[in-house]
Amino acid sequence: NYVVALSHLGDYLDTDSYYKYSSNYLAKFTTGIDI
């Protein structure tokens, strides 16, 4: 019913080189994750 990702990615801005491996990027470019 719900999908929770436990991540160790980090909260990076889109201007940072690590953004593509951030929790923000993960949320933005997937579907089905709730938390």
Full PDB file with SEQRES, HELIX, SHEET, SSBOND, CRYST1, ORIGX, SCALE, CONECT and MASTER records, all heavy atoms in Angstrom:
SEQRES   1 A   35  ASN TYR VAL VAL ALA LEU SER HIS LEU GLY ASP TYR LEU          
SEQRES   2 A   35  ASP THR ASP SER TYR TYR LYS TYR SER SER ASN TYR LEU          
SEQRES   3 A   35  ALA LYS PHE THR THR GLY ILE ASP ILE                          
HELIX    1 AA1 TYR A   19  TYR A   21  5                                   3    
HELIX    2 AA2 SER A   23  LYS A   28  1                                   6    
CRYST1    1.000    1.000    1.000  90.00  90.00  90.00 P 1           1          
ORIGX1      1.000000  0.000000  0.000000        0.00000                         
ORIGX2      0.000000  1.000000  0.000000        0.00000                         
ORIGX3      0.000000  0.000000  1.000000        0.00000                         
SCALE1      1.000000  0.000000  0.000000        0.00000                         
SCALE2      0.000000  1.000000  0.000000        0.00000                         
SCALE3      0.000000  0.000000  1.000000        0.00000                         
ATOM      1  N   ASN A   1       0.821  -1.208   0.000  1.00  0.00           N  
ATOM      2  CA  ASN A   1       0.000   0.000   0.000  1.00  0.00           C  
ATOM      3  C   ASN A   1       0.856   1.259   0.000  1.00  0.00           C  
ATOM      4  O   ASN A   1       0.470   2.295  -0.559  1.00  0.00           O  
ATOM      5  CB  ASN A   1      -0.914   0.019   1.229  1.00  0.00           C  
ATOM      6  CG  ASN A   1      -1.853  -1.183   1.267  1.00  0.00           C  
ATOM      7  OD1 ASN A   1      -1.504  -2.199   1.852  1.00  0.00           O  
ATOM      8  ND2 ASN A   1      -2.999  -1.070   0.632  1.00  0.00           N  
ATOM      9  N   TYR A   2       1.997   1.182   0.658  1.00  0.00           N  
ATOM     10  CA  TYR A   2       2.902   2.331   0.760  1.00  0.00           C  
ATOM     11  C   TYR A   2       4.323   1.850   0.541  1.00  0.00           C  
ATOM     12  O   TYR A   2       4.691   0.739   0.926  1.00  0.00           O  
ATOM     13  CB  TYR A   2       2.793   3.016   2.124  1.00  0.00           C  
ATOM     14  CG  TYR A   2       1.406   3.502   2.437  1.00  0.00           C  
ATOM     15  CD1 TYR A   2       0.556   2.741   3.242  1.00  0.00           C  
ATOM     16  CD2 TYR A   2       0.940   4.702   1.927  1.00  0.00           C  
ATOM     17  CE1 TYR A   2      -0.734   3.171   3.524  1.00  0.00           C  
ATOM     18  CE2 TYR A   2      -0.338   5.146   2.198  1.00  0.00           C  
ATOM     19  CZ  TYR A   2      -1.178   4.375   2.995  1.00  0.00           C  
ATOM     20  OH  TYR A   2      -2.451   4.801   3.266  1.00  0.00           O  
ATOM     21  N   VAL A   3       5.123   2.702  -0.053  1.00  0.00           N  
ATOM     22  CA  VAL A   3       6.535   2.402  -0.269  1.00  0.00           C  
ATOM     23  C   VAL A   3       7.366   3.470   0.434  1.00  0.00           C  
ATOM     24  O   VAL A   3       7.215   4.670   0.177  1.00  0.00           O  
ATOM     25  CB  VAL A   3       6.891   2.369  -1.770  1.00  0.00           C  
ATOM     26  CG1 VAL A   3       8.383   2.131  -1.955  1.00  0.00           C  
ATOM     27  CG2 VAL A   3       6.102   1.273  -2.480  1.00  0.00           C  
ATOM     28  N   VAL A   4       8.246   3.011   1.336  1.00  0.00           N  
ATOM     29  CA  VAL A   4       9.132   3.902   2.088  1.00  0.00           C  
ATOM     30  C   VAL A   4      10.576   3.570   1.722  1.00  0.00           C  
ATOM     31  O   VAL A   4      11.014   2.424   1.891  1.00  0.00           O  
ATOM     32  CB  VAL A   4       8.930   3.734   3.609  1.00  0.00           C  
ATOM     33  CG1 VAL A   4       9.868   4.668   4.372  1.00  0.00           C  
ATOM     34  CG2 VAL A   4       7.477   4.001   3.991  1.00  0.00           C  
ATOM     35  N   ALA A   5      11.295   4.532   1.195  1.00  0.00           N  
ATOM     36  CA  ALA A   5      12.713   4.332   0.859  1.00  0.00           C  
ATOM     37  C   ALA A   5      13.571   4.836   2.017  1.00  0.00           C  
ATOM     38  O   ALA A   5      13.428   5.977   2.453  1.00  0.00           O  
ATOM     39  CB  ALA A   5      13.067   5.078  -0.418  1.00  0.00           C  
ATOM     40  N   LEU A   6      14.427   3.972   2.527  1.00  0.00           N  
ATOM     41  CA  LEU A   6      15.402   4.373   3.547  1.00  0.00           C  
ATOM     42  C   LEU A   6      16.709   4.664   2.814  1.00  0.00           C  
ATOM     43  O   LEU A   6      17.385   3.748   2.354  1.00  0.00           O  
ATOM     44  CB  LEU A   6      15.597   3.244   4.570  1.00  0.00           C  
ATOM     45  CG  LEU A   6      14.328   2.661   5.198  1.00  0.00           C  
ATOM     46  CD1 LEU A   6      14.677   1.552   6.189  1.00  0.00           C  
ATOM     47  CD2 LEU A   6      13.527   3.756   5.892  1.00  0.00           C  
ATOM     48  N   SER A   7      17.035   5.932   2.685  1.00  0.00           N  
ATOM     49  CA  SER A   7      18.167   6.310   1.828  1.00  0.00           C  
ATOM     50  C   SER A   7      19.276   6.980   2.615  1.00  0.00           C  
ATOM     51  O   SER A   7      19.043   7.555   3.682  1.00  0.00           O  
ATOM     52  CB  SER A   7      17.690   7.245   0.705  1.00  0.00           C  
ATOM     53  OG  SER A   7      17.300   8.492   1.220  1.00  0.00           O  
ATOM     54  N   HIS A   8      20.481   6.874   2.082  1.00  0.00           N  
ATOM     55  CA  HIS A   8      21.642   7.590   2.629  1.00  0.00           C  
ATOM     56  C   HIS A   8      22.234   8.408   1.486  1.00  0.00           C  
ATOM     57  O   HIS A   8      23.391   8.271   1.105  1.00  0.00           O  
ATOM     58  CB  HIS A   8      22.668   6.595   3.171  1.00  0.00           C  
ATOM     59  CG  HIS A   8      23.681   7.209   4.086  1.00  0.00           C  
ATOM     60  ND1 HIS A   8      23.596   7.127   5.449  1.00  0.00           N  
ATOM     61  CD2 HIS A   8      24.787   7.929   3.833  1.00  0.00           C  
ATOM     62  CE1 HIS A   8      24.618   7.752   6.003  1.00  0.00           C  
ATOM     63  NE2 HIS A   8      25.366   8.256   5.031  1.00  0.00           N  
ATOM     64  N   LEU A   9      21.393   9.271   0.924  1.00  0.00           N  
ATOM     65  CA  LEU A   9      21.751  10.033  -0.271  1.00  0.00           C  
ATOM     66  C   LEU A   9      22.109  11.470   0.044  1.00  0.00           C  
ATOM     67  O   LEU A   9      23.117  11.993  -0.415  1.00  0.00           O  
ATOM     68  CB  LEU A   9      20.594   9.986  -1.273  1.00  0.00           C  
ATOM     69  CG  LEU A   9      20.252   8.601  -1.826  1.00  0.00           C  
ATOM     70  CD1 LEU A   9      18.939   8.628  -2.585  1.00  0.00           C  
ATOM     71  CD2 LEU A   9      21.369   8.117  -2.732  1.00  0.00           C  
ATOM     72  N   GLY A  10      21.255  12.141   0.810  1.00  0.00           N  
ATOM     73  CA  GLY A  10      21.538  13.519   1.180  1.00  0.00           C  
ATOM     74  C   GLY A  10      20.626  14.520   0.512  1.00  0.00           C  
ATOM     75  O   GLY A  10      20.050  14.271  -0.554  1.00  0.00           O  
ATOM     76  N   ASP A  11      20.522  15.684   1.133  1.00  0.00           N  
ATOM     77  CA  ASP A  11      19.659  16.762   0.671  1.00  0.00           C  
ATOM     78  C   ASP A  11      20.510  17.773  -0.085  1.00  0.00           C  
ATOM     79  O   ASP A  11      21.073  18.688   0.509  1.00  0.00           O  
ATOM     80  CB  ASP A  11      18.967  17.422   1.877  1.00  0.00           C  
ATOM     81  CG  ASP A  11      18.034  18.548   1.475  1.00  0.00           C  
ATOM     82  OD1 ASP A  11      17.223  18.330   0.561  1.00  0.00           O  
ATOM     83  OD2 ASP A  11      18.121  19.641   2.072  1.00  0.00           O  
ATOM     84  N   TYR A  12      20.640  17.589  -1.404  1.00  0.00           N  
ATOM     85  CA  TYR A  12      21.483  18.456  -2.225  1.00  0.00           C  
ATOM     86  C   TYR A  12      20.639  19.288  -3.182  1.00  0.00           C  
ATOM     87  O   TYR A  12      19.613  18.829  -3.702  1.00  0.00           O  
ATOM     88  CB  TYR A  12      22.483  17.631  -3.029  1.00  0.00           C  
ATOM     89  CG  TYR A  12      23.571  17.012  -2.178  1.00  0.00           C  
ATOM     90  CD1 TYR A  12      23.499  15.679  -1.786  1.00  0.00           C  
ATOM     91  CD2 TYR A  12      24.665  17.760  -1.762  1.00  0.00           C  
ATOM     92  CE1 TYR A  12      24.497  15.111  -1.008  1.00  0.00           C  
ATOM     93  CE2 TYR A  12      25.664  17.209  -0.982  1.00  0.00           C  
ATOM     94  CZ  TYR A  12      25.577  15.871  -0.605  1.00  0.00           C  
ATOM     95  OH  TYR A  12      26.569  15.318   0.165  1.00  0.00           O  
ATOM     96  N   LEU A  13      21.090  20.505  -3.443  1.00  0.00           N  
ATOM     97  CA  LEU A  13      20.434  21.381  -4.408  1.00  0.00           C  
ATOM     98  C   LEU A  13      20.766  20.958  -5.831  1.00  0.00           C  
ATOM     99  O   LEU A  13      21.753  20.261  -6.073  1.00  0.00           O  
ATOM    100  CB  LEU A  13      20.883  22.827  -4.188  1.00  0.00           C  
ATOM    101  CG  LEU A  13      20.583  23.449  -2.812  1.00  0.00           C  
ATOM    102  CD1 LEU A  13      21.272  24.796  -2.704  1.00  0.00           C  
ATOM    103  CD2 LEU A  13      19.094  23.581  -2.603  1.00  0.00           C  
ATOM    104  N   ASP A  14      19.965  21.448  -6.781  1.00  0.00           N  
ATOM    105  CA  ASP A  14      20.205  21.071  -8.171  1.00  0.00           C  
ATOM    106  C   ASP A  14      21.470  21.701  -8.745  1.00  0.00           C  
ATOM    107  O   ASP A  14      21.921  21.336  -9.831  1.00  0.00           O  
ATOM    108  CB  ASP A  14      18.996  21.408  -9.048  1.00  0.00           C  
ATOM    109  CG  ASP A  14      18.595  22.876  -8.994  1.00  0.00           C  
ATOM    110  OD1 ASP A  14      19.334  23.675  -8.373  1.00  0.00           O  
ATOM    111  OD2 ASP A  14      17.552  23.231  -9.565  1.00  0.00           O  
ATOM    112  N   THR A  15      22.071  22.640  -8.012  1.00  0.00           N  
ATOM    113  CA  THR A  15      23.329  23.251  -8.444  1.00  0.00           C  
ATOM    114  C   THR A  15      24.544  22.470  -7.964  1.00  0.00           C  
ATOM    115  O   THR A  15      25.673  22.780  -8.336  1.00  0.00           O  
ATOM    116  CB  THR A  15      23.433  24.694  -7.935  1.00  0.00           C  
ATOM    117  OG1 THR A  15      23.228  24.698  -6.512  1.00  0.00           O  
ATOM    118  CG2 THR A  15      22.395  25.581  -8.594  1.00  0.00           C  
ATOM    119  N   ASP A  16      24.330  21.471  -7.110  1.00  0.00           N  
ATOM    120  CA  ASP A  16      25.442  20.726  -6.532  1.00  0.00           C  
ATOM    121  C   ASP A  16      25.763  19.514  -7.388  1.00  0.00           C  
ATOM    122  O   ASP A  16      24.877  18.895  -7.989  1.00  0.00           O  
ATOM    123  CB  ASP A  16      25.090  20.298  -5.108  1.00  0.00           C  
ATOM    124  CG  ASP A  16      26.317  19.824  -4.354  1.00  0.00           C  
ATOM    125  OD1 ASP A  16      26.729  18.668  -4.537  1.00  0.00           O  
ATOM    126  OD2 ASP A  16      26.865  20.627  -3.583  1.00  0.00           O  
ATOM    127  N   SER A  17      27.033  19.143  -7.436  1.00  0.00           N  
ATOM    128  CA  SER A  17      27.457  18.021  -8.288  1.00  0.00           C  
ATOM    129  C   SER A  17      26.870  16.692  -7.829  1.00  0.00           C  
ATOM    130  O   SER A  17      26.799  15.746  -8.604  1.00  0.00           O  
ATOM    131  CB  SER A  17      28.988  17.931  -8.300  1.00  0.00           C  
ATOM    132  OG  SER A  17      29.487  17.633  -7.013  1.00  0.00           O  
ATOM    133  N   TYR A  18      26.460  16.616  -6.553  1.00  0.00           N  
ATOM    134  CA  TYR A  18      25.889  15.374  -6.037  1.00  0.00           C  
ATOM    135  C   TYR A  18      24.372  15.327  -6.153  1.00  0.00           C  
ATOM    136  O   TYR A  18      23.739  14.386  -5.696  1.00  0.00           O  
ATOM    137  CB  TYR A  18      26.287  15.165  -4.569  1.00  0.00           C  
ATOM    138  CG  TYR A  18      27.747  14.829  -4.405  1.00  0.00           C  
ATOM    139  CD1 TYR A  18      28.639  15.759  -3.885  1.00  0.00           C  
ATOM    140  CD2 TYR A  18      28.244  13.584  -4.801  1.00  0.00           C  
ATOM    141  CE1 TYR A  18      29.985  15.454  -3.756  1.00  0.00           C  
ATOM    142  CE2 TYR A  18      29.584  13.276  -4.676  1.00  0.00           C  
ATOM    143  CZ  TYR A  18      30.443  14.208  -4.146  1.00  0.00           C  
ATOM    144  OH  TYR A  18      31.777  13.903  -4.026  1.00  0.00           O  
ATOM    145  N   TYR A  19      23.769  16.344  -6.777  1.00  0.00           N  
ATOM    146  CA  TYR A  19      22.311  16.415  -6.845  1.00  0.00           C  
ATOM    147  C   TYR A  19      21.692  15.162  -7.463  1.00  0.00           C  
ATOM    148  O   TYR A  19      20.667  14.660  -7.003  1.00  0.00           O  
ATOM    149  CB  TYR A  19      21.883  17.654  -7.633  1.00  0.00           C  
ATOM    150  CG  TYR A  19      20.407  17.710  -7.926  1.00  0.00           C  
ATOM    151  CD1 TYR A  19      19.473  17.843  -6.893  1.00  0.00           C  
ATOM    152  CD2 TYR A  19      19.936  17.616  -9.240  1.00  0.00           C  
ATOM    153  CE1 TYR A  19      18.107  17.877  -7.166  1.00  0.00           C  
ATOM    154  CE2 TYR A  19      18.580  17.657  -9.513  1.00  0.00           C  
ATOM    155  CZ  TYR A  19      17.670  17.787  -8.477  1.00  0.00           C  
ATOM    156  OH  TYR A  19      16.330  17.821  -8.738  1.00  0.00           O  
ATOM    157  N   LYS A  20      22.326  14.636  -8.514  1.00  0.00           N  
ATOM    158  CA  LYS A  20      21.743  13.487  -9.206  1.00  0.00           C  
ATOM    159  C   LYS A  20      21.746  12.226  -8.348  1.00  0.00           C  
ATOM    160  O   LYS A  20      21.113  11.228  -8.706  1.00  0.00           O  
ATOM    161  CB  LYS A  20      22.472  13.236 -10.520  1.00  0.00           C  
ATOM    162  CG  LYS A  20      22.213  14.322 -11.563  1.00  0.00           C  
ATOM    163  CD  LYS A  20      22.870  14.000 -12.887  1.00  0.00           C  
ATOM    164  CE  LYS A  20      22.548  15.072 -13.924  1.00  0.00           C  
ATOM    165  NZ  LYS A  20      23.177  14.776 -15.243  1.00  0.00           N  
ATOM    166  N   TYR A  21      22.466  12.268  -7.236  1.00  0.00           N  
ATOM    167  CA  TYR A  21      22.462  11.133  -6.317  1.00  0.00           C  
ATOM    168  C   TYR A  21      21.869  11.551  -4.969  1.00  0.00           C  
ATOM    169  O   TYR A  21      22.209  11.012  -3.924  1.00  0.00           O  
ATOM    170  CB  TYR A  21      23.883  10.587  -6.153  1.00  0.00           C  
ATOM    171  CG  TYR A  21      24.420  10.054  -7.450  1.00  0.00           C  
ATOM    172  CD1 TYR A  21      25.189  10.860  -8.282  1.00  0.00           C  
ATOM    173  CD2 TYR A  21      24.110   8.770  -7.873  1.00  0.00           C  
ATOM    174  CE1 TYR A  21      25.657  10.380  -9.497  1.00  0.00           C  
ATOM    175  CE2 TYR A  21      24.575   8.283  -9.082  1.00  0.00           C  
ATOM    176  CZ  TYR A  21      25.352   9.093  -9.890  1.00  0.00           C  
ATOM    177  OH  TYR A  21      25.802   8.623 -11.099  1.00  0.00           O  
ATOM    178  N   SER A  22      20.940  12.512  -5.002  1.00  0.00           N  
ATOM    179  CA  SER A  22      20.304  13.020  -3.785  1.00  0.00           C  
ATOM    180  C   SER A  22      18.914  12.423  -3.622  1.00  0.00           C  
ATOM    181  O   SER A  22      18.330  11.864  -4.556  1.00  0.00           O  
ATOM    182  CB  SER A  22      20.202  14.546  -3.846  1.00  0.00           C  
ATOM    183  OG  SER A  22      19.248  14.938  -4.829  1.00  0.00           O  
ATOM    184  N   SER A  23      18.361  12.569  -2.423  1.00  0.00           N  
ATOM    185  CA  SER A  23      16.988  12.124  -2.183  1.00  0.00           C  
ATOM    186  C   SER A  23      16.003  12.968  -2.987  1.00  0.00           C  
ATOM    187  O   SER A  23      14.948  12.475  -3.420  1.00  0.00           O  
ATOM    188  CB  SER A  23      16.662  12.208  -0.687  1.00  0.00           C  
ATOM    189  OG  SER A  23      16.914  13.506  -0.181  1.00  0.00           O  
ATOM    190  N   ASN A  24      16.340  14.252  -3.213  1.00  0.00           N  
ATOM    191  CA  ASN A  24      15.466  15.115  -4.017  1.00  0.00           C  
ATOM    192  C   ASN A  24      15.355  14.597  -5.451  1.00  0.00           C  
ATOM    193  O   ASN A  24      14.268  14.552  -6.038  1.00  0.00           O  
ATOM    194  CB  ASN A  24      16.005  16.550  -4.027  1.00  0.00           C  
ATOM    195  CG  ASN A  24      16.070  17.146  -2.644  1.00  0.00           C  
ATOM    196  OD1 ASN A  24      15.087  17.160  -1.920  1.00  0.00           O  
ATOM    197  ND2 ASN A  24      17.238  17.626  -2.250  1.00  0.00           N  
ATOM    198  N   TYR A  25      16.487  14.203  -6.012  1.00  0.00           N  
ATOM    199  CA  TYR A  25      16.508  13.683  -7.387  1.00  0.00           C  
ATOM    200  C   TYR A  25      15.777  12.346  -7.458  1.00  0.00           C  
ATOM    201  O   TYR A  25      15.015  12.093  -8.404  1.00  0.00           O  
ATOM    202  CB  TYR A  25      17.962  13.525  -7.836  1.00  0.00           C  
ATOM    203  CG  TYR A  25      18.142  13.229  -9.307  1.00  0.00           C  
ATOM    204  CD1 TYR A  25      18.255  14.263 -10.232  1.00  0.00           C  
ATOM    205  CD2 TYR A  25      18.219  11.914  -9.765  1.00  0.00           C  
ATOM    206  CE1 TYR A  25      18.442  13.997 -11.586  1.00  0.00           C  
ATOM    207  CE2 TYR A  25      18.395  11.637 -11.112  1.00  0.00           C  
ATOM    208  CZ  TYR A  25      18.510  12.683 -12.015  1.00  0.00           C  
ATOM    209  OH  TYR A  25      18.687  12.409 -13.347  1.00  0.00           O  
ATOM    210  N   LEU A  26      16.002  11.499  -6.464  1.00  0.00           N  
ATOM    211  CA  LEU A  26      15.327  10.205  -6.420  1.00  0.00           C  
ATOM    212  C   LEU A  26      13.818  10.381  -6.421  1.00  0.00           C  
ATOM    213  O   LEU A  26      13.097   9.705  -7.168  1.00  0.00           O  
ATOM    214  CB  LEU A  26      15.759   9.437  -5.171  1.00  0.00           C  
ATOM    215  CG  LEU A  26      15.023   8.139  -4.858  1.00  0.00           C  
ATOM    216  CD1 LEU A  26      15.221   7.124  -5.973  1.00  0.00           C  
ATOM    217  CD2 LEU A  26      15.481   7.573  -3.524  1.00  0.00           C  
ATOM    218  N   ALA A  27      13.329  11.305  -5.597  1.00  0.00           N  
ATOM    219  CA  ALA A  27      11.884  11.553  -5.530  1.00  0.00           C  
ATOM    220  C   ALA A  27      11.350  12.090  -6.854  1.00  0.00           C  
ATOM    221  O   ALA A  27      10.290  11.663  -7.335  1.00  0.00           O  
ATOM    222  CB  ALA A  27      11.577  12.535  -4.403  1.00  0.00           C  
ATOM    223  N   LYS A  28      12.095  12.996  -7.462  1.00  0.00           N  
ATOM    224  CA  LYS A  28      11.617  13.692  -8.662  1.00  0.00           C  
ATOM    225  C   LYS A  28      11.540  12.785  -9.883  1.00  0.00           C  
ATOM    226  O   LYS A  28      10.644  12.941 -10.728  1.00  0.00           O  
ATOM    227  CB  LYS A  28      12.538  14.882  -8.949  1.00  0.00           C  
ATOM    228  CG  LYS A  28      12.094  15.748 -10.118  1.00  0.00           C  
ATOM    229  CD  LYS A  28      13.017  16.964 -10.264  1.00  0.00           C  
ATOM    230  CE  LYS A  28      12.576  17.843 -11.438  1.00  0.00           C  
ATOM    231  NZ  LYS A  28      13.459  19.028 -11.588  1.00  0.00           N  
ATOM    232  N   PHE A  29      12.433  11.814  -9.986  1.00  0.00           N  
ATOM    233  CA  PHE A  29      12.536  11.046 -11.230  1.00  0.00           C  
ATOM    234  C   PHE A  29      12.101   9.591 -11.094  1.00  0.00           C  
ATOM    235  O   PHE A  29      12.490   8.746 -11.894  1.00  0.00           O  
ATOM    236  CB  PHE A  29      13.964  11.142 -11.769  1.00  0.00           C  
ATOM    237  CG  PHE A  29      14.295  12.512 -12.294  1.00  0.00           C  
ATOM    238  CD1 PHE A  29      14.974  13.436 -11.505  1.00  0.00           C  
ATOM    239  CD2 PHE A  29      13.888  12.902 -13.557  1.00  0.00           C  
ATOM    240  CE1 PHE A  29      15.260  14.706 -11.973  1.00  0.00           C  
ATOM    241  CE2 PHE A  29      14.169  14.172 -14.037  1.00  0.00           C  
ATOM    242  CZ  PHE A  29      14.851  15.078 -13.246  1.00  0.00           C  
ATOM    243  N   THR A  30      11.297   9.301 -10.062  1.00  0.00           N  
ATOM    244  CA  THR A  30      10.695   7.980  -9.931  1.00  0.00           C  
ATOM    245  C   THR A  30       9.200   8.137  -9.696  1.00  0.00           C  
ATOM    246  O   THR A  30       8.690   9.248  -9.543  1.00  0.00           O  
ATOM    247  CB  THR A  30      11.312   7.189  -8.759  1.00  0.00           C  
ATOM    248  OG1 THR A  30      11.171   7.959  -7.544  1.00  0.00           O  
ATOM    249  CG2 THR A  30      12.770   6.876  -9.000  1.00  0.00           C  
ATOM    250  N   THR A  31       8.496   7.022  -9.667  1.00  0.00           N  
ATOM    251  CA  THR A  31       7.081   7.008  -9.310  1.00  0.00           C  
ATOM    252  C   THR A  31       6.850   5.893  -8.303  1.00  0.00           C  
ATOM    253  O   THR A  31       7.592   4.904  -8.272  1.00  0.00           O  
ATOM    254  CB  THR A  31       6.188   6.756 -10.540  1.00  0.00           C  
ATOM    255  OG1 THR A  31       6.503   5.462 -11.095  1.00  0.00           O  
ATOM    256  CG2 THR A  31       6.383   7.819 -11.599  1.00  0.00           C  
ATOM    257  N   GLY A  32       5.828   6.075  -7.472  1.00  0.00           N  
ATOM    258  CA  GLY A  32       5.431   5.008  -6.561  1.00  0.00           C  
ATOM    259  C   GLY A  32       6.003   5.081  -5.172  1.00  0.00           C  
ATOM    260  O   GLY A  32       5.560   4.366  -4.275  1.00  0.00           O  
ATOM    261  N   ILE A  33       7.010   5.928  -4.950  1.00  0.00           N  
ATOM    262  CA  ILE A  33       7.560   6.088  -3.600  1.00  0.00           C  
ATOM    263  C   ILE A  33       6.711   7.111  -2.856  1.00  0.00           C  
ATOM    264  O   ILE A  33       6.433   8.193  -3.368  1.00  0.00           O  
ATOM    265  CB  ILE A  33       9.032   6.553  -3.644  1.00  0.00           C  
ATOM    266  CG1 ILE A  33       9.905   5.508  -4.341  1.00  0.00           C  
ATOM    267  CG2 ILE A  33       9.563   6.813  -2.232  1.00  0.00           C  
ATOM    268  CD1 ILE A  33      11.356   5.940  -4.530  1.00  0.00           C  
ATOM    269  N   ASP A  34       6.312   6.764  -1.639  1.00  0.00           N  
ATOM    270  CA  ASP A  34       5.510   7.679  -0.834  1.00  0.00           C  
ATOM    271  C   ASP A  34       6.363   8.520   0.104  1.00  0.00           C  
ATOM    272  O   ASP A  34       6.120   9.720   0.268  1.00  0.00           O  
ATOM    273  CB  ASP A  34       4.482   6.887  -0.012  1.00  0.00           C  
ATOM    274  CG  ASP A  34       3.499   6.144  -0.888  1.00  0.00           C  
ATOM    275  OD1 ASP A  34       2.617   6.813  -1.464  1.00  0.00           O  
ATOM    276  OD2 ASP A  34       3.613   4.920  -1.016  1.00  0.00           O  
ATOM    277  N   ILE A  35       7.350   7.879   0.731  1.00  0.00           N  
ATOM    278  CA  ILE A  35       8.166   8.550   1.745  1.00  0.00           C  
ATOM    279  C   ILE A  35       9.627   8.166   1.548  1.00  0.00           C  
ATOM    280  O   ILE A  35       9.938   7.003   1.266  1.00  0.00           O  
ATOM    281  CB  ILE A  35       7.727   8.137   3.171  1.00  0.00           C  
ATOM    282  CG1 ILE A  35       6.279   8.566   3.437  1.00  0.00           C  
ATOM    283  CG2 ILE A  35       8.658   8.720   4.227  1.00  0.00           C  
ATOM    284  CD1 ILE A  35       5.698   7.957   4.696  1.00  0.00           C  
TER     285      ILE A  35                                                      
MASTER        0    0    0    2    0    0    0    6  284    1    0    3          
END                                                                             
